[in-house]
Protein backbone atom coordinates (compact mmCIF):
# COMPACT_ATOMS: atom_id res chain seq x y z
CA ALA A 1 76.14 -151.35 -97.73
CA ALA A 2 74.67 -153.13 -99.85
CA ALA A 3 74.37 -153.09 -103.99
CA SER A 4 73.38 -155.42 -106.15
CA VAL A 5 74.94 -156.13 -109.33
CA ASP A 6 73.92 -158.95 -112.55
CA GLY A 7 71.84 -160.73 -109.67
CA GLN A 8 74.30 -160.65 -107.04
CA PHE A 9 73.67 -158.70 -103.39
CA TYR A 10 77.24 -157.53 -102.28
CA ILE A 11 77.07 -156.08 -99.04
CA PHE A 12 80.41 -154.63 -97.48
CA GLY A 13 81.56 -153.82 -94.03
CA GLY A 14 79.22 -152.58 -90.70
CA ASN A 15 79.28 -153.12 -87.27
CA SER A 16 79.51 -156.23 -85.44
CA ALA A 17 79.96 -157.31 -81.46
CA LEU A 18 83.56 -156.81 -82.55
CA GLY A 19 83.23 -153.62 -84.18
CA LEU A 20 83.60 -151.87 -87.10
CA LEU A 21 84.05 -154.76 -90.33
CA ASN A 22 85.61 -154.91 -94.04
CA ASP A 23 84.63 -158.02 -95.67
CA LEU A 24 82.51 -158.07 -98.14
CA TYR A 25 80.07 -160.68 -99.20
CA ARG A 26 77.83 -161.77 -102.30
CA PHE A 27 74.19 -163.50 -102.23
CA ASP A 28 73.44 -165.42 -104.93
CA ILE A 29 69.40 -164.51 -105.56
CA LYS A 30 68.85 -167.49 -107.30
CA GLN A 31 70.41 -170.73 -105.08
CA LEU A 32 69.78 -168.29 -101.65
CA THR A 33 73.26 -168.55 -100.70
CA TRP A 34 76.13 -166.21 -99.08
CA TRP A 35 79.40 -166.18 -99.95
CA PRO A 36 82.33 -164.46 -98.47
CA VAL A 37 84.30 -163.02 -101.39
CA VAL A 38 87.81 -162.57 -100.42
CA PRO A 39 89.59 -159.60 -102.70
CA GLY A 40 93.06 -160.66 -104.70
CA SER A 41 96.49 -159.01 -103.98
CA GLY A 42 96.48 -155.08 -103.22
CA ALA A 43 94.80 -152.51 -100.80
CA THR A 44 91.25 -152.71 -99.46
CA PRO A 45 88.89 -150.78 -97.86
CA SER A 46 89.42 -149.74 -94.03
CA ARG A 47 86.97 -151.01 -91.72
CA ARG A 48 84.08 -149.22 -91.79
CA ALA A 49 80.08 -148.02 -91.37
CA GLY A 50 77.85 -145.88 -91.97
CA HIS A 51 79.46 -146.10 -95.82
CA ALA A 52 77.31 -146.61 -99.09
CA LEU A 53 78.05 -148.98 -101.97
CA CYS A 54 76.32 -148.81 -105.65
CA ALA A 55 76.84 -150.32 -108.59
CA THR A 56 78.34 -148.59 -111.84
CA PRO A 57 76.97 -148.76 -115.55
CA SER A 58 80.64 -151.30 -115.94
CA ARG A 59 78.77 -153.73 -113.32
CA ASP A 60 81.52 -152.63 -110.84
CA LEU A 61 81.09 -151.39 -107.18
CA VAL A 62 81.88 -148.07 -105.37
CA LEU A 63 82.16 -147.82 -102.28
CA PHE A 64 82.11 -143.93 -100.80
CA GLY A 65 82.84 -142.76 -96.57
CA GLY A 66 81.73 -143.63 -93.86
CA ARG A 67 82.96 -143.56 -89.89
CA GLY A 68 86.05 -145.32 -89.51
CA GLN A 69 88.18 -145.43 -86.15
CA VAL A 70 91.67 -144.32 -85.25
CA ARG A 71 93.52 -145.98 -82.77
CA ARG A 72 95.81 -143.64 -80.64
CA THR A 73 98.07 -145.32 -77.74
CA GLY A 74 98.86 -143.02 -74.89
CA SER A 75 100.39 -143.13 -71.67
CA SER A 76 98.17 -144.17 -68.91
CA SER A 77 97.78 -141.90 -66.07
CA SER A 78 98.41 -144.49 -63.10
CA SER A 79 101.98 -145.67 -64.23
CA SER A 80 104.15 -143.95 -66.79
CA SER A 81 105.16 -147.40 -68.14
CA SER A 82 101.85 -148.25 -68.99
CA SER A 83 99.78 -147.56 -72.16
CA SER A 84 96.63 -147.35 -73.46
CA ILE A 85 94.94 -147.46 -76.04
CA SER A 86 91.01 -145.91 -77.56
CA ALA A 87 89.47 -145.45 -80.23
CA GLU A 88 88.22 -142.49 -81.60
CA PHE A 89 85.98 -142.16 -85.21
CA THR A 90 86.34 -140.22 -88.07
CA SER A 91 84.68 -138.98 -91.45
CA LEU A 92 86.03 -140.82 -94.33
CA ASN A 93 85.24 -139.52 -97.81
CA ASP A 94 87.37 -141.71 -99.72
CA VAL A 95 86.66 -143.59 -103.27
CA TRP A 96 87.11 -147.26 -103.94
CA ARG A 97 85.91 -149.34 -106.75
CA PHE A 98 85.54 -153.17 -106.63
CA SER A 99 85.70 -155.45 -109.94
CA PRO A 100 83.83 -158.40 -108.76
CA SER A 101 85.04 -160.45 -112.46
CA ARG A 102 88.67 -159.25 -111.26
CA GLY A 103 87.77 -159.78 -107.27
CA GLN A 104 90.13 -156.96 -106.67
CA TRP A 105 89.66 -153.51 -105.12
CA THR A 106 91.07 -150.09 -106.60
CA LEU A 107 91.58 -146.78 -104.38
CA LEU A 108 90.29 -144.02 -107.03
CA SER A 109 90.18 -140.70 -104.31
CA GLN A 110 92.04 -141.13 -100.77
CA SER A 111 90.18 -140.25 -97.82
CA ASP A 112 91.14 -137.15 -95.98
CA ARG A 113 91.39 -137.67 -92.47
CA LEU A 114 93.02 -134.55 -91.55
CA SER A 115 89.88 -131.91 -92.22
CA ALA A 116 86.39 -132.38 -90.53
CA ARG A 117 85.48 -129.51 -93.50
CA THR A 118 84.85 -129.39 -97.02
CA SER A 119 87.65 -128.32 -98.55
CA ALA A 120 87.22 -126.49 -102.67
CA THR A 121 88.50 -130.00 -104.16
CA ALA A 122 87.05 -132.63 -102.04
CA PRO A 123 83.70 -133.39 -99.82
CA ALA A 124 84.35 -133.11 -95.79
CA GLY A 125 83.86 -137.11 -94.50
CA ARG A 126 80.86 -138.11 -93.96
CA ALA A 127 78.91 -141.17 -92.84
CA HIS A 128 75.35 -142.07 -94.04
CA ALA A 129 75.15 -140.12 -96.67
CA ALA A 130 72.97 -140.38 -99.95
CA VAL A 131 74.57 -140.86 -103.05
CA GLY A 132 73.84 -142.43 -106.35
CA MET A 133 75.55 -143.64 -110.02
CA ILE A 134 74.38 -141.11 -113.23
CA GLY A 135 76.51 -142.19 -115.89
CA HIS A 136 80.14 -142.68 -114.75
CA ARG A 137 79.81 -139.95 -112.68
CA LEU A 138 78.98 -141.09 -108.15
CA PHE A 139 76.79 -138.59 -106.55
CA VAL A 140 77.21 -137.74 -103.03
CA TYR A 141 74.50 -135.91 -100.59
CA GLY A 142 74.35 -135.05 -97.19
CA GLY A 143 75.75 -137.31 -94.17
CA LYS A 144 77.34 -136.70 -91.34
CA ASP A 145 80.21 -135.66 -89.55
CA ALA A 146 81.43 -139.15 -87.14
CA SER A 147 82.82 -136.99 -84.39
CA THR A 148 80.70 -134.00 -84.10
CA ASP A 149 77.70 -134.89 -86.08
CA ILE A 150 77.44 -131.78 -88.26
CA LEU A 151 74.99 -132.94 -90.81
CA PHE A 152 75.94 -131.90 -93.80
CA ASP A 153 73.66 -130.58 -96.67
CA ASP A 154 75.43 -130.47 -100.23
CA VAL A 155 75.77 -132.08 -103.68
CA TRP A 156 79.27 -133.68 -105.10
CA ALA A 157 79.73 -135.55 -107.57
CA PHE A 158 82.86 -138.14 -108.30
CA HIS A 159 83.98 -138.33 -111.47
CA LEU A 160 85.35 -141.98 -111.81
CA GLU A 161 86.56 -141.58 -115.43
CA VAL A 162 89.37 -138.81 -114.24
CA GLY A 163 88.91 -139.74 -110.50
CA ARG A 164 87.87 -135.39 -109.54
CA TRP A 165 85.33 -134.74 -106.87
CA THR A 166 82.92 -131.42 -108.58
CA PHE A 167 80.51 -128.99 -106.06
CA ILE A 168 77.42 -128.28 -107.23
């Protein structure tokens, strides 16, 4: 996912040959140079792909949802003493804000990984949603569930100032 703030182009996460990523890079449009962005102390968004990123009027970045991985450890069928690790995809609906001026991520809305369905208070987790900012509200349309491929055609707005979702 990518967004531009003050002549700087930011990208976060995605896929690589080694799996999902959660790194942040900045491209200086005038100098044509890439720079890794190392956030300050605190939590950062989990590794993901299919998420969305956009700029706010206050020149911050807002990250929504995507596809993450849940690692599960289980017993191998060949031996009761050995275990295997498998990964499955999960849909995320968390919202994060990154302040380029402070270099810090802030969690605005926690992801509900237990429900693949939309609740009355938040959209279902999803990847590949269309997003846009109007004032201090993040609008989210559509997307796809990462594990079931269910397609969504709903619209939600996240109010950044109050930290609350509204179904539109």
